[in-house]
Amino acid sequence: MNDAQPGPRTRPDSSLIPRDFGLPGAVMLSWMIAGGILAGGFLVAYGTFTERISGHALLNTVAGLYLVGSLIGAVLGGALGMFGRPIETAARRAFREQLTALLYALPALFIAFVVTGWIAMTAVAIYTGEVLPIVGVSVAYVLGFIAVGVALRFGWFGARRAWDRLATESGRPRRRRRLRIVWEDDDEDDDDAGDPRRAGS
């Protein structure tokens, strides 16, 4: 009897996702952080290095682009996390997990903003040639690439789950009929005398 109902399979991504907010929250949070770093850090670093973005009021530029990138990442990551939630996870639970992830976003976004600021100072560190700014920018680049890589990895997990969900939704009517038959068989064991089909058999 137990062999007919195998337990849940261990997913390769389960060990990387905090249990508090699961895959939907992990996708949204990671994309929020990566979006802010890409827009406020790497984009500003490229713009200042190529002189397409002025170095004056650099902090305001970084803060504005960081906010825009984080919002875009939150929207895209939230949608991908919702559609890419595990098949057994309801939409309401996935939404609660994303709300829980927003609590983690407050300290995470602050740390990511510090990293973004150092990345945006790439041109300044190169022009000054001092050791401390170069080391700070180098460490920030490593952390920034890690954050973007984590976001891509969670996004891949979400895309796979979304594809699985699409395949499941396309075959849902047939699976519902099979589930209904199994449920009726279970009810017949408890009350087979009141079922005319069983009485005729």
Foldseek 3Di string as FASTA:
>chain_A
DQVVDDDDDDDPCVVVDDPQQPLLQLLLLLLLLLQLLVFLFVVLQVCVQVVVDDPPPSVVNSVVRSVVRNVVSNVVSNVLSQLLPAPVDDSVSNVVSNVVSVVVNPVVNVVSSLLRVLRSCPNVCVVVVDDVSVVSNVVSVVVSVVSVVSSVVSSVSSVVSNVVNVVCVVVVVVVVVVVVVVVVVVVCVVPVPPDVVSVVD
